[in-house]
Every structure is written in structure tokens, then in C-alpha cells.
Amino acid sequence: MSQSAIITASPDVMSGTPVFTGTRVPVQTLLDYLKAGESIDDFLEGFPTVKREQVNHSFLVAL
């Protein structure tokens, strides 16, 4: 998966908030889940439009 396919920001989607591509799920939501002690599996269960591959690659990009 290319970096550009992981996260997008467009004024037409969530007012430009960075979201996982192909979804309306803000990346900040994943960070909030993790900060609250929830697991990635919990996040993916709550947001089935986000793929595990997107989550994994978002961490690689952040490094």
C-alpha cells in the first residue's frame, strides 16, 4: 500500500481532517482509542471501514 493510500485530507471530507482513505474515520480517532487503553482490534471492530493494513502502515509512516 502506498503512503498516499493510507491517509487523506480533503476539504470535502470531514472539513479537511486527516482520515483513513476511503472512509470518514479520522486518524485522531485511532490515537484516541489507543490513548484510552483500547486495542487496535477494538478500533477495527468499531470502524469496519478501516482496514488493518491501513492502521499498520499509518504507524510505519509515523516512524
PDB file of N, CA and C in Angstrom:
ATOM      1  N   MET A   1       0.853  -1.176   0.000  1.00  0.00           N
ATOM      2  CA  MET A   1       0.000   0.000   0.000  1.00  0.00           C
ATOM      3  C   MET A   1       0.892   1.230   0.000  1.00  0.00           C
ATOM      4  N   SER A   2       0.606   2.156  -0.890  1.00  0.00           N
ATOM      5  CA  SER A   2       1.429   3.355  -0.964  1.00  0.00           C
ATOM      6  C   SER A   2       1.047   4.307   0.159  1.00  0.00           C
ATOM      7  N   GLN A   3       1.974   5.182   0.498  1.00  0.00           N
ATOM      8  CA  GLN A   3       1.742   6.128   1.581  1.00  0.00           C
ATOM      9  C   GLN A   3       0.507   6.974   1.295  1.00  0.00           C
ATOM     10  N   SER A   4       0.314   7.380   0.052  1.00  0.00           N
ATOM     11  CA  SER A   4      -0.821   8.232  -0.277  1.00  0.00           C
ATOM     12  C   SER A   4      -2.149   7.501  -0.119  1.00  0.00           C
ATOM     13  N   ALA A   5      -2.141   6.178  -0.080  1.00  0.00           N
ATOM     14  CA  ALA A   5      -3.375   5.410   0.052  1.00  0.00           C
ATOM     15  C   ALA A   5      -3.751   5.161   1.513  1.00  0.00           C
ATOM     16  N   ILE A   6      -2.970   5.644   2.434  1.00  0.00           N
ATOM     17  CA  ILE A   6      -3.211   5.378   3.846  1.00  0.00           C
ATOM     18  C   ILE A   6      -4.101   6.446   4.475  1.00  0.00           C
ATOM     19  N   ILE A   7      -3.705   7.687   4.306  1.00  0.00           N
ATOM     20  CA  ILE A   7      -4.378   8.817   4.940  1.00  0.00           C
ATOM     21  C   ILE A   7      -4.587   9.901   3.894  1.00  0.00           C
ATOM     22  N   THR A   8      -5.768  10.501   3.904  1.00  0.00           N
ATOM     23  CA  THR A   8      -6.037  11.620   3.011  1.00  0.00           C
ATOM     24  C   THR A   8      -6.689  12.753   3.792  1.00  0.00           C
ATOM     25  N   ALA A   9      -6.577  13.937   3.238  1.00  0.00           N
ATOM     26  CA  ALA A   9      -7.248  15.101   3.806  1.00  0.00           C
ATOM     27  C   ALA A   9      -7.803  15.909   2.644  1.00  0.00           C
ATOM     28  N   SER A  10      -9.082  16.148   2.685  1.00  0.00           N
ATOM     29  CA  SER A  10      -9.758  16.898   1.630  1.00  0.00           C
ATOM     30  C   SER A  10     -10.788  17.810   2.273  1.00  0.00           C
ATOM     31  N   PRO A  11     -10.892  19.038   1.796  1.00  0.00           N
ATOM     32  CA  PRO A  11     -11.896  19.928   2.354  1.00  0.00           C
ATOM     33  C   PRO A  11     -13.322  19.377   2.214  1.00  0.00           C
ATOM     34  N   ASP A  12     -13.515  18.453   1.281  1.00  0.00           N
ATOM     35  CA  ASP A  12     -14.837  17.878   1.044  1.00  0.00           C
ATOM     36  C   ASP A  12     -15.180  16.733   2.000  1.00  0.00           C
ATOM     37  N   VAL A  13     -14.186  16.252   2.741  1.00  0.00           N
ATOM     38  CA  VAL A  13     -14.399  15.127   3.651  1.00  0.00           C
ATOM     39  C   VAL A  13     -13.999  15.560   5.059  1.00  0.00           C
ATOM     40  N   MET A  14     -14.955  15.591   5.947  1.00  0.00           N
ATOM     41  CA  MET A  14     -14.708  15.938   7.352  1.00  0.00           C
ATOM     42  C   MET A  14     -13.968  17.275   7.488  1.00  0.00           C
ATOM     43  N   SER A  15     -14.274  18.204   6.611  1.00  0.00           N
ATOM     44  CA  SER A  15     -13.699  19.564   6.646  1.00  0.00           C
ATOM     45  C   SER A  15     -12.170  19.566   6.611  1.00  0.00           C
ATOM     46  N   GLY A  16     -11.598  18.590   5.939  1.00  0.00           N
ATOM     47  CA  GLY A  16     -10.143  18.549   5.785  1.00  0.00           C
ATOM     48  C   GLY A  16      -9.403  17.796   6.868  1.00  0.00           C
ATOM     49  N   THR A  17     -10.119  17.226   7.819  1.00  0.00           N
ATOM     50  CA  THR A  17      -9.477  16.417   8.866  1.00  0.00           C
ATOM     51  C   THR A  17      -8.837  15.193   8.226  1.00  0.00           C
ATOM     52  N   PRO A  18      -7.593  14.856   8.584  1.00  0.00           N
ATOM     53  CA  PRO A  18      -6.974  13.650   8.030  1.00  0.00           C
ATOM     54  C   PRO A  18      -7.785  12.403   8.407  1.00  0.00           C
ATOM     55  N   VAL A  19      -8.151  11.636   7.393  1.00  0.00           N
ATOM     56  CA  VAL A  19      -8.937  10.415   7.591  1.00  0.00           C
ATOM     57  C   VAL A  19      -8.243   9.250   6.909  1.00  0.00           C
ATOM     58  N   PHE A  20      -8.625   8.050   7.304  1.00  0.00           N
ATOM     59  CA  PHE A  20      -8.150   6.865   6.593  1.00  0.00           C
ATOM     60  C   PHE A  20      -8.814   6.876   5.218  1.00  0.00           C
ATOM     61  N   THR A  21      -8.022   6.725   4.186  1.00  0.00           N
ATOM     62  CA  THR A  21      -8.505   6.812   2.812  1.00  0.00           C
ATOM     63  C   THR A  21      -9.682   5.877   2.578  1.00  0.00           C
ATOM     64  N   GLY A  22     -10.691   6.408   1.899  1.00  0.00           N
ATOM     65  CA  GLY A  22     -11.883   5.629   1.586  1.00  0.00           C
ATOM     66  C   GLY A  22     -12.888   5.565   2.713  1.00  0.00           C
ATOM     67  N   THR A  23     -12.614   6.303   3.792  1.00  0.00           N
ATOM     68  CA  THR A  23     -13.512   6.310   4.946  1.00  0.00           C
ATOM     69  C   THR A  23     -13.753   7.752   5.377  1.00  0.00           C
ATOM     70  N   ARG A  24     -14.581   7.901   6.379  1.00  0.00           N
ATOM     71  CA  ARG A  24     -14.756   9.195   7.033  1.00  0.00           C
ATOM     72  C   ARG A  24     -14.262   9.088   8.483  1.00  0.00           C
ATOM     73  N   VAL A  25     -13.348   8.171   8.717  1.00  0.00           N
ATOM     74  CA  VAL A  25     -12.828   7.919  10.067  1.00  0.00           C
ATOM     75  C   VAL A  25     -11.531   8.710  10.266  1.00  0.00           C
ATOM     76  N   PRO A  26     -11.556   9.703  11.144  1.00  0.00           N
ATOM     77  CA  PRO A  26     -10.345  10.482  11.400  1.00  0.00           C
ATOM     78  C   PRO A  26      -9.229   9.625  12.013  1.00  0.00           C
ATOM     79  N   VAL A  27      -8.014   9.905  11.606  1.00  0.00           N
ATOM     80  CA  VAL A  27      -6.847   9.209  12.176  1.00  0.00           C
ATOM     81  C   VAL A  27      -6.780   9.484  13.678  1.00  0.00           C
ATOM     82  N   GLN A  28      -7.185  10.663  14.093  1.00  0.00           N
ATOM     83  CA  GLN A  28      -7.179  11.014  15.513  1.00  0.00           C
ATOM     84  C   GLN A  28      -8.018  10.044  16.333  1.00  0.00           C
ATOM     85  N   THR A  29      -9.050   9.472  15.731  1.00  0.00           N
ATOM     86  CA  THR A  29      -9.890   8.514  16.450  1.00  0.00           C
ATOM     87  C   THR A  29      -9.084   7.285  16.859  1.00  0.00           C
ATOM     88  N   LEU A  30      -8.218   6.810  15.973  1.00  0.00           N
ATOM     89  CA  LEU A  30      -7.343   5.681  16.326  1.00  0.00           C
ATOM     90  C   LEU A  30      -6.443   6.067  17.494  1.00  0.00           C
ATOM     91  N   LEU A  31      -5.855   7.241  17.422  1.00  0.00           N
ATOM     92  CA  LEU A  31      -4.968   7.680  18.505  1.00  0.00           C
ATOM     93  C   LEU A  31      -5.726   7.813  19.822  1.00  0.00           C
ATOM     94  N   ASP A  32      -6.954   8.302  19.749  1.00  0.00           N
ATOM     95  CA  ASP A  32      -7.778   8.419  20.963  1.00  0.00           C
ATOM     96  C   ASP A  32      -8.083   7.045  21.560  1.00  0.00           C
ATOM     97  N   TYR A  33      -8.381   6.081  20.706  1.00  0.00           N
ATOM     98  CA  TYR A  33      -8.625   4.712  21.174  1.00  0.00           C
ATOM     99  C   TYR A  33      -7.399   4.173  21.907  1.00  0.00           C
ATOM    100  N   LEU A  34      -6.241   4.324  21.283  1.00  0.00           N
ATOM    101  CA  LEU A  34      -5.015   3.786  21.877  1.00  0.00           C
ATOM    102  C   LEU A  34      -4.672   4.505  23.179  1.00  0.00           C
ATOM    103  N   LYS A  35      -4.860   5.808  23.200  1.00  0.00           N
ATOM    104  CA  LYS A  35      -4.589   6.585  24.411  1.00  0.00           C
ATOM    105  C   LYS A  35      -5.489   6.143  25.558  1.00  0.00           C
ATOM    106  N   ALA A  36      -6.709   5.736  25.238  1.00  0.00           N
ATOM    107  CA  ALA A  36      -7.668   5.287  26.262  1.00  0.00           C
ATOM    108  C   ALA A  36      -7.427   3.841  26.688  1.00  0.00           C
ATOM    109  N   GLY A  37      -6.407   3.197  26.112  1.00  0.00           N
ATOM    110  CA  GLY A  37      -6.094   1.828  26.502  1.00  0.00           C
ATOM    111  C   GLY A  37      -6.805   0.766  25.684  1.00  0.00           C
ATOM    112  N   GLU A  38      -7.517   1.181  24.647  1.00  0.00           N
ATOM    113  CA  GLU A  38      -8.190   0.224  23.770  1.00  0.00           C
ATOM    114  C   GLU A  38      -7.178  -0.384  22.806  1.00  0.00           C
ATOM    115  N   SER A  39      -7.526  -1.528  22.263  1.00  0.00           N
ATOM    116  CA  SER A  39      -6.629  -2.205  21.329  1.00  0.00           C
ATOM    117  C   SER A  39      -6.954  -1.826  19.886  1.00  0.00           C
ATOM    118  N   ILE A  40      -6.041  -2.150  19.002  1.00  0.00           N
ATOM    119  CA  ILE A  40      -6.288  -1.946  17.575  1.00  0.00           C
ATOM    120  C   ILE A  40      -7.474  -2.793  17.144  1.00  0.00           C
ATOM    121  N   ASP A  41      -7.597  -3.994  17.678  1.00  0.00           N
ATOM    122  CA  ASP A  41      -8.743  -4.848  17.343  1.00  0.00           C
ATOM    123  C   ASP A  41     -10.061  -4.170  17.747  1.00  0.00           C
ATOM    124  N   ASP A  42     -10.072  -3.524  18.914  1.00  0.00           N
ATOM    125  CA  ASP A  42     -11.270  -2.797  19.344  1.00  0.00           C
ATOM    126  C   ASP A  42     -11.599  -1.687  18.351  1.00  0.00           C
ATOM    127  N   PHE A  43     -10.575  -0.955  17.933  1.00  0.00           N
ATOM    128  CA  PHE A  43     -10.769   0.121  16.967  1.00  0.00           C
ATOM    129  C   PHE A  43     -11.330  -0.433  15.659  1.00  0.00           C
ATOM    130  N   LEU A  44     -10.729  -1.484  15.151  1.00  0.00           N
ATOM    131  CA  LEU A  44     -11.173  -2.057  13.880  1.00  0.00           C
ATOM    132  C   LEU A  44     -12.590  -2.617  13.974  1.00  0.00           C
ATOM    133  N   GLU A  45     -12.943  -3.138  15.123  1.00  0.00           N
ATOM    134  CA  GLU A  45     -14.308  -3.636  15.318  1.00  0.00           C
ATOM    135  C   GLU A  45     -15.309  -2.482  15.291  1.00  0.00           C
ATOM    136  N   GLY A  46     -14.916  -1.364  15.857  1.00  0.00           N
ATOM    137  CA  GLY A  46     -15.794  -0.203  15.892  1.00  0.00           C
ATOM    138  C   GLY A  46     -15.870   0.553  14.575  1.00  0.00           C
ATOM    139  N   PHE A  47     -14.832   0.389  13.748  1.00  0.00           N
ATOM    140  CA  PHE A  47     -14.754   1.108  12.478  1.00  0.00           C
ATOM    141  C   PHE A  47     -14.373   0.128  11.363  1.00  0.00           C
ATOM    142  N   PRO A  48     -15.317  -0.706  10.959  1.00  0.00           N
ATOM    143  CA  PRO A  48     -15.012  -1.775   9.997  1.00  0.00           C
ATOM    144  C   PRO A  48     -14.616  -1.284   8.603  1.00  0.00           C
ATOM    145  N   THR A  49     -14.813  -0.001   8.312  1.00  0.00           N
ATOM    146  CA  THR A  49     -14.380   0.510   7.003  1.00  0.00           C
ATOM    147  C   THR A  49     -12.878   0.724   6.940  1.00  0.00           C
ATOM    148  N   VAL A  50     -12.226   0.781   8.104  1.00  0.00           N
ATOM    149  CA  VAL A  50     -10.767   0.923   8.151  1.00  0.00           C
ATOM    150  C   VAL A  50     -10.164  -0.479   8.122  1.00  0.00           C
ATOM    151  N   LYS A  51      -9.177  -0.665   7.280  1.00  0.00           N
ATOM    152  CA  LYS A  51      -8.510  -1.961   7.140  1.00  0.00           C
ATOM    153  C   LYS A  51      -7.288  -2.019   8.057  1.00  0.00           C
ATOM    154  N   ARG A  52      -7.012  -3.211   8.563  1.00  0.00           N
ATOM    155  CA  ARG A  52      -5.838  -3.401   9.419  1.00  0.00           C
ATOM    156  C   ARG A  52      -4.569  -2.924   8.715  1.00  0.00           C
ATOM    157  N   GLU A  53      -4.485  -3.168   7.424  1.00  0.00           N
ATOM    158  CA  GLU A  53      -3.302  -2.749   6.656  1.00  0.00           C
ATOM    159  C   GLU A  53      -3.125  -1.224   6.723  1.00  0.00           C
ATOM    160  N   GLN A  54      -4.221  -0.482   6.695  1.00  0.00           N
ATOM    161  CA  GLN A  54      -4.135   0.972   6.806  1.00  0.00           C
ATOM    162  C   GLN A  54      -3.589   1.380   8.175  1.00  0.00           C
ATOM    163  N   VAL A  55      -4.063   0.735   9.227  1.00  0.00           N
ATOM    164  CA  VAL A  55      -3.587   1.042  10.572  1.00  0.00           C
ATOM    165  C   VAL A  55      -2.100   0.728  10.681  1.00  0.00           C
ATOM    166  N   ASN A  56      -1.705  -0.466  10.230  1.00  0.00           N
ATOM    167  CA  ASN A  56      -0.305  -0.856  10.303  1.00  0.00           C
ATOM    168  C   ASN A  56       0.599   0.107   9.542  1.00  0.00           C
ATOM    169  N   HIS A  57       0.189   0.482   8.349  1.00  0.00           N
ATOM    170  CA  HIS A  57       1.002   1.385   7.535  1.00  0.00           C
ATOM    171  C   HIS A  57       1.025   2.791   8.116  1.00  0.00           C
ATOM    172  N   SER A  58      -0.024   3.187   8.787  1.00  0.00           N
ATOM    173  CA  SER A  58      -0.024   4.533   9.386  1.00  0.00           C
ATOM    174  C   SER A  58       1.050   4.628  10.458  1.00  0.00           C
ATOM    175  N   PHE A  59       1.292   3.529  11.186  1.00  0.00           N
ATOM    176  CA  PHE A  59       2.361   3.541  12.180  1.00  0.00           C
ATOM    177  C   PHE A  59       3.729   3.589  11.525  1.00  0.00           C
ATOM    178  N   LEU A  60       3.888   2.903  10.410  1.00  0.00           N
ATOM    179  CA  LEU A  60       5.169   2.933   9.692  1.00  0.00           C
ATOM    180  C   LEU A  60       5.462   4.325   9.176  1.00  0.00           C
ATOM    181  N   VAL A  61       4.441   5.002   8.678  1.00  0.00           N
ATOM    182  CA  VAL A  61       4.615   6.368   8.173  1.00  0.00           C
ATOM    183  C   VAL A  61       4.988   7.307   9.316  1.00  0.00           C
ATOM    184  N   ALA A  62       4.389   7.086  10.480  1.00  0.00           N
ATOM    185  CA  ALA A  62       4.651   7.939  11.633  1.00  0.00           C
ATOM    186  C   ALA A  62       6.087   7.803  12.141  1.00  0.00           C
ATOM    187  N   LEU A  63       6.692   6.657  11.909  1.00  0.00           N
ATOM    188  CA  LEU A  63       8.069   6.456  12.353  1.00  0.00           C
ATOM    189  C   LEU A  63       8.965   7.231  11.449  1.00  0.00           C
TER     190      LEU A  63
END
